[in-house]
Amino acid sequence: MDYLDIRAEWSASDTERDKGLTTPPDVARMNDIPYGPHGRWNTLDVYRPKGTEDKSLPVIVSVHGGGWVYGDKELYQYYCMDLARRGFAVVNFNYRLAPEDPFPAAVEDVNAAFTWVAEQGPKYHLDTDHLFVVGDSAGGQLGAQYCAMLTDPSFGAMYDFALPRLTVRAAAFHCGHYQFDGSEGSLSQATMRAYFGDNAREKLPLVDTLAHITPAFPPTLVMTAWYDFLREQAPLLCDALKAQGVPCEYRLYGREGQEHMAHVFHIAIRTPEAIACNDEQCAFFRAHM
């Protein structure tokens, strides 16, 4: 299966999952705000509970998944608005996708989005002193990598862009890919090839998040599901965090026989399991206010 087949298959599944969902009546949204020079791929939305437009709120930045080759903020709008209903301002942004824009384009755009939050946050009543990050699948990889870059200067220095002055209070990563060893593992060879291009092994040190975990990494909730094809990745991140004394909580949702408890189950916001998971991650953030 190549990346075009992956896009088609995942799009059909996600469209079915979100059928009938609309903007909740209790959510205010600001759409398509530019944060960088790359057209629609550098736009973001901000969601918040209606009636809080002039109130500073703690902010969640969501890094969407999609194997680095698929996905956008429209795909994640309902999930992010669901988080906003729990009392947060939520930033939901596009980033450039591979193979049209291979590594490190996505990392550059993640940094540009966070830089926008740092610089424009007060204008949009975002309380950047209470900043949180969520990400799943490839977004979990990008989100965890970026937290490591913010907290390990040697990691950030591997890239040729300036990092903003931000402190992430806590993070929650779902079904992410955190360790690369150059083999296919449980992630599609097609998406890795599309993202890294040629000479992938030479680029792996630039995404070696686990080697750059320091005690300054934010407290983290690491979640996976029984039938998540990246399930074995979650304990790797937890072990690396705990080895550095970083507060870390691990959650495995579902059990054998519950085949719907699979990769990024939490995005299906109408299911009881997703409701419980998303309640839990927001409670985790409140505990680290």
Protein backbone atom coordinates (compact mmCIF):
# COMPACT_ATOMS: atom_id res chain seq x y z
CA MET A 1 0.00 0.00 0.00
CA ASP A 2 1.44 3.39 -0.97
CA TYR A 3 0.72 6.73 0.65
CA LEU A 4 -2.10 7.54 -1.81
CA ASP A 5 -3.89 4.32 -0.89
CA ILE A 6 -3.34 5.11 2.79
CA ARG A 7 -4.88 8.55 2.37
CA ALA A 8 -7.93 7.13 0.61
CA GLU A 9 -8.49 4.33 3.13
CA TRP A 10 -8.05 6.52 6.20
CA SER A 11 -10.21 9.30 4.76
CA ALA A 12 -13.12 6.92 4.18
CA SER A 13 -12.86 5.58 7.72
CA ASP A 14 -12.62 9.02 9.31
CA THR A 15 -15.55 10.36 7.29
CA GLU A 16 -17.71 7.50 8.52
CA ARG A 17 -16.57 8.06 12.13
CA ASP A 18 -17.47 11.76 12.13
CA LYS A 19 -20.73 11.51 10.16
CA GLY A 20 -23.35 13.80 11.66
CA LEU A 21 -21.00 15.80 13.86
CA THR A 22 -21.29 19.60 13.81
CA THR A 23 -19.86 22.50 15.77
CA PRO A 24 -21.29 22.26 19.31
CA PRO A 25 -23.56 25.20 20.21
CA ASP A 26 -21.48 25.93 23.32
CA VAL A 27 -18.18 26.33 21.43
CA ALA A 28 -16.86 29.52 19.83
CA ARG A 29 -14.38 29.03 17.00
CA MET A 30 -11.96 31.21 15.06
CA ASN A 31 -10.95 29.58 11.79
CA ASP A 32 -8.08 29.64 9.30
CA ILE A 33 -5.72 31.98 11.12
CA PRO A 34 -2.36 32.17 9.29
CA TYR A 35 0.70 31.25 11.34
CA GLY A 36 3.34 30.82 8.64
CA PRO A 37 4.19 31.30 4.96
CA HIS A 38 2.88 28.03 3.49
CA GLY A 39 -0.71 28.86 2.63
CA ARG A 40 -3.46 26.58 3.95
CA TRP A 41 -0.86 24.25 5.43
CA ASN A 42 0.14 27.03 7.83
CA THR A 43 -3.30 27.89 9.18
CA LEU A 44 -4.86 27.14 12.53
CA ASP A 45 -8.16 27.31 14.39
CA VAL A 46 -8.79 28.36 17.99
CA TYR A 47 -11.74 26.87 19.88
CA ARG A 48 -13.03 27.84 23.33
CA PRO A 49 -16.21 27.61 25.40
CA LYS A 50 -18.74 30.15 24.19
CA GLY A 51 -18.91 33.17 26.48
CA THR A 52 -15.18 33.07 27.33
CA GLU A 53 -13.99 35.04 24.29
CA ASP A 54 -12.55 37.81 26.51
CA LYS A 55 -11.31 35.50 29.26
CA SER A 56 -7.80 34.10 29.45
CA LEU A 57 -7.97 30.30 29.39
CA PRO A 58 -5.40 27.53 29.74
CA VAL A 59 -4.46 26.38 26.26
CA ILE A 60 -4.08 22.97 24.66
CA VAL A 61 -2.11 22.70 21.42
CA SER A 62 -3.12 19.63 19.41
CA VAL A 63 -0.67 18.00 16.97
CA HIS A 64 -2.73 15.85 14.63
CA GLY A 65 -1.80 12.37 13.48
CA GLY A 66 -1.85 10.69 10.08
CA GLY A 67 1.49 8.98 9.54
CA TRP A 68 3.06 12.29 8.41
CA VAL A 69 1.27 11.82 5.05
CA TYR A 70 -2.37 12.45 5.94
CA GLY A 71 -4.61 14.62 8.06
CA ASP A 72 -5.44 18.25 8.71
CA LYS A 73 -7.17 20.44 11.25
CA GLU A 74 -10.60 19.74 9.72
CA LEU A 75 -10.13 16.06 10.51
CA TYR A 76 -9.42 16.93 14.16
CA GLN A 77 -11.90 19.77 14.64
CA TYR A 78 -14.54 17.76 16.50
CA TYR A 79 -12.03 16.16 18.84
CA CYS A 80 -10.43 19.53 19.59
CA MET A 81 -13.78 21.25 20.13
CA ASP A 82 -14.72 18.43 22.48
CA LEU A 83 -11.61 19.24 24.54
CA ALA A 84 -12.54 22.95 24.47
CA ARG A 85 -15.93 22.11 26.01
CA ARG A 86 -13.99 20.88 29.04
CA GLY A 87 -12.80 24.41 29.82
CA PHE A 88 -9.76 24.99 27.61
CA ALA A 89 -8.80 27.10 24.64
CA VAL A 90 -7.59 24.67 21.97
CA VAL A 91 -5.24 25.40 19.06
CA ASN A 92 -5.73 23.01 16.13
CA PHE A 93 -3.30 23.50 13.26
CA ASN A 94 -2.38 22.18 9.82
CA TYR A 95 1.18 21.28 8.95
CA ARG A 96 2.79 20.28 5.67
CA LEU A 97 2.58 16.60 4.76
CA ALA A 98 4.99 14.17 3.15
CA PRO A 99 5.95 13.21 0.53
CA GLU A 100 5.11 16.56 -1.03
CA ASP A 101 6.94 18.20 1.88
CA PRO A 102 9.14 15.60 3.58
CA PHE A 103 11.07 15.82 6.83
CA PRO A 104 11.80 18.26 8.41
CA ALA A 105 8.87 20.32 7.05
CA ALA A 106 6.42 19.04 9.69
CA VAL A 107 8.87 19.81 12.52
CA GLU A 108 9.41 23.32 11.13
CA ASP A 109 5.65 23.88 11.06
CA VAL A 110 5.13 22.56 14.58
CA ASN A 111 7.72 25.08 15.74
CA ALA A 112 6.05 27.87 13.75
CA ALA A 113 2.66 27.05 15.30
CA PHE A 114 4.07 27.10 18.83
CA THR A 115 5.90 30.33 18.03
CA TRP A 116 2.54 31.80 16.98
CA VAL A 117 1.08 30.71 20.32
CA ALA A 118 3.94 32.37 22.18
CA GLU A 119 3.70 35.62 20.23
CA GLN A 120 -0.03 35.91 19.54
CA GLY A 121 -1.43 34.08 22.55
CA PRO A 122 -2.33 37.21 24.56
CA LYS A 123 -4.25 38.67 21.60
CA TYR A 124 -6.42 35.55 21.54
CA HIS A 125 -6.70 35.29 25.35
CA LEU A 126 -4.53 32.18 25.52
CA ASP A 127 -2.92 31.70 28.92
CA THR A 128 0.51 30.54 27.76
CA ASP A 129 1.63 30.16 31.37
CA HIS A 130 -0.72 27.18 31.40
CA LEU A 131 0.17 25.46 28.15
CA PHE A 132 -0.52 21.79 27.40
CA VAL A 133 0.16 19.53 24.40
CA VAL A 134 -1.76 16.59 22.97
CA GLY A 135 -0.81 14.46 20.00
CA ASP A 136 -1.61 11.04 18.61
CA SER A 137 0.09 8.63 16.22
CA ALA A 138 2.50 10.73 14.13
CA GLY A 139 1.26 13.72 16.11
CA GLY A 140 2.34 11.93 19.28
CA GLN A 141 5.79 11.51 17.75
CA LEU A 142 5.96 15.15 16.70
CA GLY A 143 4.55 16.43 19.99
CA ALA A 144 6.93 14.37 22.11
CA GLN A 145 9.86 15.34 19.92
CA TYR A 146 8.98 19.01 20.23
CA CYS A 147 8.68 18.81 24.03
CA ALA A 148 12.15 17.26 24.08
CA MET A 149 13.48 20.02 21.83
CA LEU A 150 12.06 22.68 24.17
CA THR A 151 13.66 21.06 27.22
CA ASP A 152 17.01 19.81 25.85
CA PRO A 153 18.94 22.65 24.20
CA SER A 154 21.27 20.20 22.44
CA PHE A 155 18.28 18.63 20.66
CA GLY A 156 16.79 21.95 19.63
CA ALA A 157 20.18 23.05 18.31
CA MET A 158 20.10 20.25 15.72
CA TYR A 159 17.59 22.33 13.75
CA ASP A 160 18.19 25.67 12.05
CA PHE A 161 15.22 27.56 13.52
CA ALA A 162 14.80 29.42 16.80
CA LEU A 163 12.56 27.93 19.47
CA PRO A 164 10.07 30.14 21.31
CA ARG A 165 10.29 30.80 25.03
CA LEU A 166 7.54 28.48 26.21
CA THR A 167 7.06 26.05 29.06
CA VAL A 168 4.73 23.11 28.54
CA ARG A 169 3.02 22.32 31.83
CA ALA A 170 2.00 18.77 30.86
CA ALA A 171 1.47 16.60 27.79
CA ALA A 172 -0.77 13.72 26.76
CA PHE A 173 0.26 11.43 23.92
CA HIS A 174 -1.96 8.77 22.36
CA CYS A 175 -0.90 5.78 20.30
CA GLY A 176 2.36 7.44 19.26
CA HIS A 177 5.54 6.26 17.59
CA TYR A 178 8.52 7.25 19.74
CA GLN A 179 11.47 5.03 18.80
CA PHE A 180 12.98 4.63 15.33
CA ASP A 181 15.58 1.99 14.65
CA GLY A 182 15.54 2.02 10.86
CA SER A 183 13.35 -1.06 10.56
CA GLU A 184 9.71 -1.17 9.58
CA GLY A 185 8.52 -2.17 13.04
CA SER A 186 4.78 -1.74 13.35
CA LEU A 187 4.55 1.40 11.26
CA SER A 188 3.96 1.38 7.54
CA GLN A 189 7.14 1.34 5.54
CA ALA A 190 5.35 3.51 2.99
CA THR A 191 4.70 6.36 5.43
CA MET A 192 8.22 6.25 6.83
CA ARG A 193 9.69 6.29 3.33
CA ALA A 194 7.44 9.19 2.37
CA TYR A 195 8.39 11.18 5.47
CA PHE A 196 12.14 10.57 5.63
CA GLY A 197 12.84 10.10 1.92
CA ASP A 198 16.21 8.66 0.96
CA ASN A 199 18.92 7.90 3.51
CA ALA A 200 16.42 7.60 6.35
CA ARG A 201 18.96 6.09 8.74
CA GLU A 202 21.09 9.22 8.54
CA LYS A 203 18.11 11.28 9.71
CA LEU A 204 17.09 9.13 12.67
CA PRO A 205 19.28 11.00 15.21
CA LEU A 206 17.21 14.10 14.41
CA VAL A 207 14.04 12.39 15.66
CA ASP A 208 15.55 10.37 18.51
CA THR A 209 13.29 11.77 21.20
CA LEU A 210 14.06 9.05 23.74
CA ALA A 211 17.76 9.98 23.70
CA HIS A 212 16.90 13.58 24.59
CA ILE A 213 14.54 13.13 27.53
CA THR A 214 15.77 15.25 30.45
CA PRO A 215 14.30 15.92 33.90
CA ALA A 216 12.84 19.14 32.45
CA PHE A 217 10.48 17.23 30.11
CA PRO A 218 6.86 18.00 31.09
CA PRO A 219 4.78 15.54 33.13
CA THR A 220 3.19 13.20 30.63
CA LEU A 221 0.16 10.96 30.28
CA VAL A 222 0.95 8.17 27.81
CA MET A 223 -2.04 6.31 26.41
CA THR A 224 -2.59 3.38 24.10
CA ALA A 225 -5.24 0.75 23.42
CA TRP A 226 -5.34 -3.03 23.39
CA TYR A 227 -5.51 -3.26 19.60
CA ASP A 228 -3.35 -0.22 18.85
CA PHE A 229 -0.78 -1.33 16.26
CA LEU A 230 1.72 0.95 18.02
CA ARG A 231 0.88 -0.38 21.48
CA GLU A 232 4.45 -1.51 22.21
CA GLN A 233 5.75 2.03 21.69
CA ALA A 234 3.99 3.55 24.71
CA PRO A 235 6.04 1.75 27.41
CA LEU A 236 9.24 2.87 25.66
CA LEU A 237 8.35 6.51 26.20
CA CYS A 238 7.22 5.84 29.78
CA ASP A 239 10.46 4.05 30.63
CA ALA A 240 12.56 6.88 29.20
CA LEU A 241 10.59 9.48 31.16
CA LYS A 242 10.73 7.57 34.43
CA ALA A 243 14.47 7.00 34.03
CA GLN A 244 14.88 10.80 34.13
CA GLY A 245 12.49 11.28 37.03
CA VAL A 246 9.76 12.84 34.87
CA PRO A 247 6.24 12.27 36.26
CA CYS A 248 4.58 9.85 33.88
CA GLU A 249 1.31 7.93 33.91
CA TYR A 250 0.56 5.03 31.55
CA ARG A 251 -2.90 4.00 30.42
CA LEU A 252 -3.86 0.95 28.39
CA TYR A 253 -7.51 1.19 27.36
CA GLY A 254 -9.65 -1.79 26.45
CA ARG A 255 -9.05 -5.50 26.76
CA GLU A 256 -8.79 -8.59 24.62
CA GLY A 257 -11.86 -9.03 22.46
CA GLN A 258 -12.68 -5.31 22.28
CA GLU A 259 -11.47 -4.84 18.74
CA HIS A 260 -12.88 -1.32 18.54
CA MET A 261 -10.26 -0.30 21.12
CA ALA A 262 -7.67 0.29 18.45
CA HIS A 263 -5.38 3.01 17.15
CA VAL A 264 -6.52 6.57 18.08
CA PHE A 265 -9.82 5.33 19.49
CA HIS A 266 -10.13 8.57 21.48
CA ILE A 267 -10.95 10.58 18.33
CA ALA A 268 -14.33 8.81 18.09
CA ILE A 269 -15.66 11.30 20.62
CA ARG A 270 -19.16 9.80 20.90
CA THR A 271 -18.00 6.46 22.30
CA PRO A 272 -17.95 5.88 26.06
CA GLU A 273 -14.27 4.91 25.95
CA ALA A 274 -13.28 8.13 24.18
CA ILE A 275 -15.32 10.22 26.61
CA ALA A 276 -13.57 8.57 29.57
CA CYS A 277 -10.12 8.94 27.98
CA ASN A 278 -10.59 12.60 27.09
CA ASP A 279 -12.02 13.36 30.54
CA GLU A 280 -8.94 11.75 32.03
CA GLN A 281 -6.42 13.67 29.98
CA CYS A 282 -8.10 17.00 30.80
CA ALA A 283 -8.13 16.07 34.49
CA PHE A 284 -4.42 15.31 34.16
CA PHE A 285 -3.86 18.79 32.77
CA ARG A 286 -5.85 20.45 35.55
CA ALA A 287 -3.72 18.63 38.10
CA HIS A 288 -0.68 20.37 36.58
CA MET A 289 -2.08 23.89 36.40
